[in-house]
N, C-alpha and C. Protein backbone atom coordinates (compact mmCIF):
# COMPACT_ATOMS: atom_id res chain seq x y z
N MET A 1 -5.17 9.91 -13.08
CA MET A 1 -5.34 9.01 -11.80
C MET A 1 -4.43 7.88 -11.92
N ILE A 2 -4.26 7.49 -12.85
CA ILE A 2 -3.41 6.10 -13.05
C ILE A 2 -1.92 6.53 -12.90
N LYS A 3 -1.65 7.57 -13.50
CA LYS A 3 -0.20 7.92 -13.63
C LYS A 3 0.27 8.42 -12.10
N VAL A 4 -0.74 9.22 -11.37
CA VAL A 4 -0.48 9.56 -10.23
C VAL A 4 -0.11 8.35 -9.15
N THR A 5 -1.12 7.37 -9.42
CA THR A 5 -0.95 6.21 -8.50
C THR A 5 0.36 5.29 -8.83
N LEU A 6 0.47 5.20 -9.98
CA LEU A 6 1.48 4.67 -10.39
C LEU A 6 2.95 5.13 -10.03
N TYR A 7 2.92 6.50 -10.17
CA TYR A 7 4.35 7.02 -9.89
C TYR A 7 4.46 7.05 -8.29
N THR A 8 3.49 7.43 -7.58
CA THR A 8 3.39 7.37 -6.10
C THR A 8 3.77 6.16 -5.72
N SER A 9 3.12 4.93 -6.13
CA SER A 9 3.37 3.62 -5.58
C SER A 9 4.97 3.05 -5.74
N LEU A 10 5.44 3.56 -6.95
CA LEU A 10 6.82 3.01 -7.45
C LEU A 10 7.82 3.94 -6.49
N ILE A 11 7.40 5.07 -6.39
CA ILE A 11 8.42 6.00 -5.41
C ILE A 11 8.60 5.67 -4.16
N VAL A 12 7.40 5.11 -3.30
CA VAL A 12 7.34 4.98 -1.97
C VAL A 12 7.93 3.53 -2.07
N ALA A 13 7.56 2.51 -2.90
CA ALA A 13 8.24 1.28 -2.94
C ALA A 13 9.69 1.19 -2.95
N SER A 14 10.03 2.12 -4.09
CA SER A 14 11.72 2.21 -4.17
C SER A 14 12.39 2.74 -2.95
N LEU A 15 11.86 3.86 -2.42
CA LEU A 15 12.54 4.20 -1.09
C LEU A 15 12.52 3.11 -0.08
N PHE A 16 11.36 2.43 0.15
CA PHE A 16 11.35 1.31 1.14
C PHE A 16 12.39 0.44 0.73
N SER A 17 12.49 0.17 -0.37
CA SER A 17 13.37 -1.09 -0.84
C SER A 17 14.69 -0.58 -0.65
N ILE A 18 15.11 0.67 -0.91
CA ILE A 18 16.67 1.15 -0.84
C ILE A 18 16.86 0.90 0.64
N LEU A 19 16.01 1.52 1.53
CA LEU A 19 16.30 1.42 2.87
C LEU A 19 16.45 -0.23 3.54
N SER A 20 15.75 -0.97 2.91
CA SER A 20 15.90 -2.38 3.14
C SER A 20 17.09 -2.91 2.71
N LEU A 21 17.60 -2.63 1.48
CA LEU A 21 18.88 -2.92 0.96
C LEU A 21 20.13 -2.77 1.74
N ILE A 22 19.84 -1.25 2.19
CA ILE A 22 20.98 -0.75 3.16
C ILE A 22 21.16 -1.42 4.26
N PHE A 23 19.95 -1.61 4.96
CA PHE A 23 20.07 -2.11 6.48
C PHE A 23 19.97 -3.99 6.36
N TYR A 24 19.70 -4.39 5.50
CA TYR A 24 19.24 -5.71 5.63
C TYR A 24 19.68 -6.41 4.30
N PHE A 25 20.74 -6.10 3.77
CA PHE A 25 21.42 -6.71 2.35
C PHE A 25 21.56 -8.12 2.51
N GLY A 26 20.95 -9.03 1.50
CA GLY A 26 20.87 -10.15 1.39
C GLY A 26 19.50 -11.00 1.74
N ASP A 27 18.90 -10.25 2.47
CA ASP A 27 17.69 -10.81 3.00
C ASP A 27 16.52 -10.52 1.74
N TRP A 28 16.52 -11.23 0.74
CA TRP A 28 15.62 -11.05 -0.40
C TRP A 28 14.28 -11.07 -0.02
N SER A 29 13.74 -11.99 0.64
CA SER A 29 12.42 -12.30 1.14
C SER A 29 11.98 -10.84 1.76
N ARG A 30 12.71 -10.41 2.57
CA ARG A 30 12.26 -9.01 3.29
C ARG A 30 12.23 -7.95 2.28
N LEU A 31 13.28 -7.99 1.17
CA LEU A 31 13.07 -7.00 0.18
C LEU A 31 11.74 -7.00 -0.52
N ILE A 32 11.24 -8.10 -0.83
CA ILE A 32 9.93 -8.21 -1.59
C ILE A 32 8.82 -7.62 -0.77
N TYR A 33 8.95 -8.09 0.78
CA TYR A 33 7.67 -7.78 1.56
C TYR A 33 7.68 -6.18 1.70
N VAL A 34 8.90 -5.59 1.87
CA VAL A 34 9.10 -4.28 2.01
C VAL A 34 8.57 -3.52 0.81
N PHE A 35 8.86 -3.87 -0.41
CA PHE A 35 8.52 -3.39 -1.76
C PHE A 35 7.06 -3.56 -1.83
N VAL A 36 6.33 -4.63 -1.39
CA VAL A 36 4.98 -4.72 -1.75
C VAL A 36 4.07 -3.87 -0.64
N MET A 37 4.74 -3.56 0.67
CA MET A 37 4.31 -2.74 1.45
C MET A 37 4.19 -1.27 1.16
N GLY A 38 5.40 -0.96 0.41
CA GLY A 38 5.57 0.30 -0.06
C GLY A 38 4.75 0.61 -1.29
N LEU A 39 4.28 -0.48 -1.92
CA LEU A 39 3.31 -0.34 -3.22
C LEU A 39 1.93 0.01 -2.51
N PHE A 40 1.67 -0.69 -1.38
CA PHE A 40 0.40 -0.32 -0.65
C PHE A 40 0.46 1.09 -0.14
N ILE A 41 1.27 1.46 0.48
CA ILE A 41 1.46 2.82 1.13
C ILE A 41 1.36 3.93 -0.05
N GLY A 42 2.02 3.60 -1.14
CA GLY A 42 1.94 4.62 -2.28
C GLY A 42 0.68 4.52 -2.94
N LEU A 43 -0.10 3.50 -2.73
CA LEU A 43 -1.42 3.58 -3.44
C LEU A 43 -2.46 4.13 -2.57
N VAL A 44 -2.50 4.12 -1.31
CA VAL A 44 -3.35 4.89 -0.45
C VAL A 44 -2.89 6.23 -0.30
N LEU A 45 -1.51 6.34 -0.64
CA LEU A 45 -1.04 7.94 -0.33
C LEU A 45 -1.27 8.78 -1.67
N ALA A 46 -1.44 8.12 -2.69
CA ALA A 46 -1.86 9.08 -4.16
C ALA A 46 -2.90 9.96 -3.92
N PRO A 47 -4.20 9.52 -3.63
CA PRO A 47 -5.34 10.37 -3.34
C PRO A 47 -5.00 11.52 -2.31
N GLU A 48 -4.08 11.42 -1.29
CA GLU A 48 -3.86 12.50 -0.67
C GLU A 48 -2.90 13.50 -0.98
N ILE A 49 -2.02 12.90 -2.08
CA ILE A 49 -1.02 14.04 -2.67
C ILE A 49 -1.74 14.73 -3.83
N GLU A 50 -2.40 14.08 -4.67
CA GLU A 50 -3.32 14.90 -5.57
C GLU A 50 -4.73 14.49 -5.65
N PRO A 51 -5.51 15.06 -4.73
CA PRO A 51 -6.97 14.75 -4.47
C PRO A 51 -7.87 15.16 -5.77
N LYS A 52 -7.48 16.11 -6.53
CA LYS A 52 -8.25 16.48 -7.73
C LYS A 52 -8.35 15.55 -8.76
N ALA A 53 -7.34 14.56 -8.82
CA ALA A 53 -7.21 13.54 -9.85
C ALA A 53 -8.32 12.54 -9.50
N PHE A 54 -8.69 12.36 -8.22
CA PHE A 54 -9.75 11.08 -7.88
C PHE A 54 -11.06 11.95 -7.53
N LYS A 55 -12.17 11.18 -8.20
CA LYS A 55 -13.43 11.68 -8.02
C LYS A 55 -13.70 11.28 -6.47
N LYS A 56 -13.60 10.15 -5.97
CA LYS A 56 -13.82 9.46 -4.66
C LYS A 56 -12.72 8.99 -4.08
N PRO A 57 -11.93 9.85 -3.58
CA PRO A 57 -10.44 9.32 -3.05
C PRO A 57 -10.76 8.37 -1.83
N TRP A 58 -11.63 8.41 -1.04
CA TRP A 58 -11.82 7.42 -0.12
C TRP A 58 -12.50 6.27 -0.49
N LEU A 59 -13.13 5.97 -1.56
CA LEU A 59 -13.69 4.73 -2.23
C LEU A 59 -12.42 4.18 -2.84
N PHE A 60 -11.59 4.92 -3.58
CA PHE A 60 -10.14 4.31 -4.09
C PHE A 60 -9.22 3.74 -3.16
N GLN A 61 -9.20 4.53 -1.99
CA GLN A 61 -8.44 3.82 -0.94
C GLN A 61 -9.14 2.66 -0.11
N ILE A 62 -10.27 2.64 -0.07
CA ILE A 62 -11.01 1.25 0.56
C ILE A 62 -10.77 0.01 -0.54
N LEU A 63 -11.16 0.44 -1.73
CA LEU A 63 -11.08 -0.80 -2.73
C LEU A 63 -9.60 -1.17 -3.05
N GLY A 64 -8.69 -0.05 -3.15
CA GLY A 64 -7.36 -0.47 -3.17
C GLY A 64 -6.79 -1.37 -2.06
N GLY A 65 -7.23 -0.94 -0.75
CA GLY A 65 -6.83 -1.53 0.42
C GLY A 65 -7.18 -3.13 0.28
N ALA A 66 -8.68 -3.27 -0.16
CA ALA A 66 -9.30 -4.51 -0.03
C ALA A 66 -8.54 -5.38 -1.00
N ILE A 67 -8.21 -4.79 -2.16
CA ILE A 67 -7.64 -5.76 -3.22
C ILE A 67 -6.28 -5.97 -3.12
N PHE A 68 -5.67 -5.20 -2.28
CA PHE A 68 -4.34 -5.43 -1.90
C PHE A 68 -4.27 -6.58 -0.98
N GLY A 69 -5.26 -6.65 0.12
CA GLY A 69 -5.15 -7.34 1.08
C GLY A 69 -5.69 -9.01 0.39
N ILE A 70 -6.31 -9.03 -0.67
CA ILE A 70 -6.86 -10.27 -1.20
C ILE A 70 -5.50 -10.71 -1.88
N ILE A 71 -4.74 -9.88 -2.61
CA ILE A 71 -3.58 -10.33 -3.24
C ILE A 71 -2.56 -10.93 -2.27
N LEU A 72 -2.38 -10.22 -1.21
CA LEU A 72 -1.53 -10.51 -0.24
C LEU A 72 -1.83 -11.96 0.39
N ALA A 73 -3.18 -12.11 0.62
CA ALA A 73 -3.64 -13.31 1.16
C ALA A 73 -3.34 -14.54 0.27
N ILE A 74 -3.74 -14.28 -0.82
CA ILE A 74 -3.43 -15.31 -2.19
C ILE A 74 -2.00 -15.62 -2.08
N PHE A 75 -1.09 -14.61 -2.00
CA PHE A 75 0.46 -14.61 -2.08
C PHE A 75 0.95 -15.61 -1.10
N PHE A 76 0.29 -15.48 0.23
CA PHE A 76 0.64 -16.23 1.42
C PHE A 76 0.13 -17.47 1.55
N GLY A 77 -0.91 -18.00 0.61
CA GLY A 77 -1.58 -19.27 0.48
C GLY A 77 -2.71 -19.31 1.54
N PHE A 78 -3.41 -18.26 2.01
CA PHE A 78 -4.31 -18.55 3.01
C PHE A 78 -5.60 -19.00 2.56
N GLU A 79 -6.28 -19.55 3.43
CA GLU A 79 -7.80 -20.11 3.32
C GLU A 79 -8.77 -19.05 2.96
N ILE A 80 -10.02 -19.14 2.56
CA ILE A 80 -10.85 -18.15 2.36
C ILE A 80 -11.03 -17.35 3.73
N ASN A 81 -11.23 -17.88 4.69
CA ASN A 81 -11.30 -16.95 5.86
C ASN A 81 -10.28 -15.80 5.98
N GLY A 82 -9.05 -16.36 5.85
CA GLY A 82 -7.75 -15.52 5.75
C GLY A 82 -7.74 -14.48 4.91
N ILE A 83 -8.46 -14.77 3.65
CA ILE A 83 -8.41 -13.73 2.57
C ILE A 83 -9.44 -12.81 2.93
N ILE A 84 -10.80 -13.16 3.48
CA ILE A 84 -11.70 -11.99 3.85
C ILE A 84 -11.11 -11.32 4.92
N ALA A 85 -10.39 -11.97 5.93
CA ALA A 85 -9.95 -11.19 6.96
C ALA A 85 -8.86 -10.10 6.55
N LEU A 86 -7.91 -10.54 5.54
CA LEU A 86 -6.74 -9.61 5.27
C LEU A 86 -7.49 -8.41 4.32
N ALA A 87 -8.58 -8.90 3.55
CA ALA A 87 -9.33 -7.93 2.86
C ALA A 87 -10.00 -6.83 3.62
N GLY A 88 -10.58 -7.36 4.74
CA GLY A 88 -11.27 -6.43 5.56
C GLY A 88 -10.05 -5.52 6.21
N ILE A 89 -9.09 -6.01 6.84
CA ILE A 89 -8.04 -5.40 7.42
C ILE A 89 -7.52 -4.17 6.61
N PHE A 90 -7.13 -4.57 5.45
CA PHE A 90 -6.47 -3.45 4.60
C PHE A 90 -7.58 -2.56 3.90
N ALA A 91 -8.81 -2.99 3.84
CA ALA A 91 -9.88 -2.07 3.53
C ALA A 91 -10.03 -0.96 4.79
N PHE A 92 -10.10 -1.19 5.85
CA PHE A 92 -10.12 -0.21 6.99
C PHE A 92 -8.80 0.38 6.86
N LEU A 93 -7.53 -0.16 6.66
CA LEU A 93 -6.41 0.60 6.58
C LEU A 93 -6.52 1.69 5.48
N GLY A 94 -7.11 1.48 4.27
CA GLY A 94 -7.38 2.10 3.34
C GLY A 94 -8.42 3.38 3.69
N PHE A 95 -9.39 2.82 4.47
CA PHE A 95 -10.35 3.84 5.06
C PHE A 95 -9.96 4.92 5.96
N THR A 96 -9.08 4.36 6.79
CA THR A 96 -8.36 5.52 7.86
C THR A 96 -7.06 5.94 7.16
N ALA A 97 -6.65 5.78 6.15
CA ALA A 97 -5.46 6.21 5.46
C ALA A 97 -5.20 7.77 5.76
N SER A 98 -6.18 8.53 5.59
CA SER A 98 -6.16 10.06 5.74
C SER A 98 -5.43 10.25 7.24
N SER A 99 -6.03 9.42 8.29
CA SER A 99 -5.55 9.78 9.71
C SER A 99 -4.07 9.24 10.05
N TRP A 100 -3.74 8.13 9.35
CA TRP A 100 -2.38 7.60 9.73
C TRP A 100 -1.33 8.09 8.76
N LEU A 101 -1.63 8.40 7.42
CA LEU A 101 -0.40 9.03 6.72
C LEU A 101 0.17 10.36 7.11
N LYS A 102 -0.75 11.10 7.86
CA LYS A 102 -0.02 12.29 8.44
C LYS A 102 1.21 11.98 9.19
N TYR A 103 1.37 10.96 9.80
CA TYR A 103 2.63 10.61 10.65
C TYR A 103 3.72 10.28 9.88
N PHE A 104 3.48 10.07 8.40
CA PHE A 104 4.88 10.04 7.77
C PHE A 104 5.21 11.61 7.44
N HIS A 105 6.53 11.73 7.59
CA HIS A 105 7.02 13.11 7.64
C HIS A 105 6.68 13.71 6.13
N GLY A 106 6.33 15.01 5.95
CA GLY A 106 6.16 15.66 4.81
C GLY A 106 4.80 15.54 4.23
N PHE A 107 3.75 14.59 4.66
CA PHE A 107 2.51 14.32 3.86
C PHE A 107 1.50 14.99 4.91
């Protein structure tokens, strides 16, 4: 489970980062944001790629989204209301991941 999640997150984040470097070279803050979003998408994509490695993939996606939202809110310096809001938004994105991931080609 950890290996699948790690590989998927790093591969998606690397692909996003390469595209950001090609089209927006020199904008290093954008590169960091794109890399972090790639990590999130790779995190919620892992149970879709290898569902047998996860006992409850939907729970993994919800908790992964909530934790990612909390980390992102702390990174941006939000107050407690912003932290709770981002945790809820990203938990919802994790919960609905199987619906919106199908729009990425090949998944």
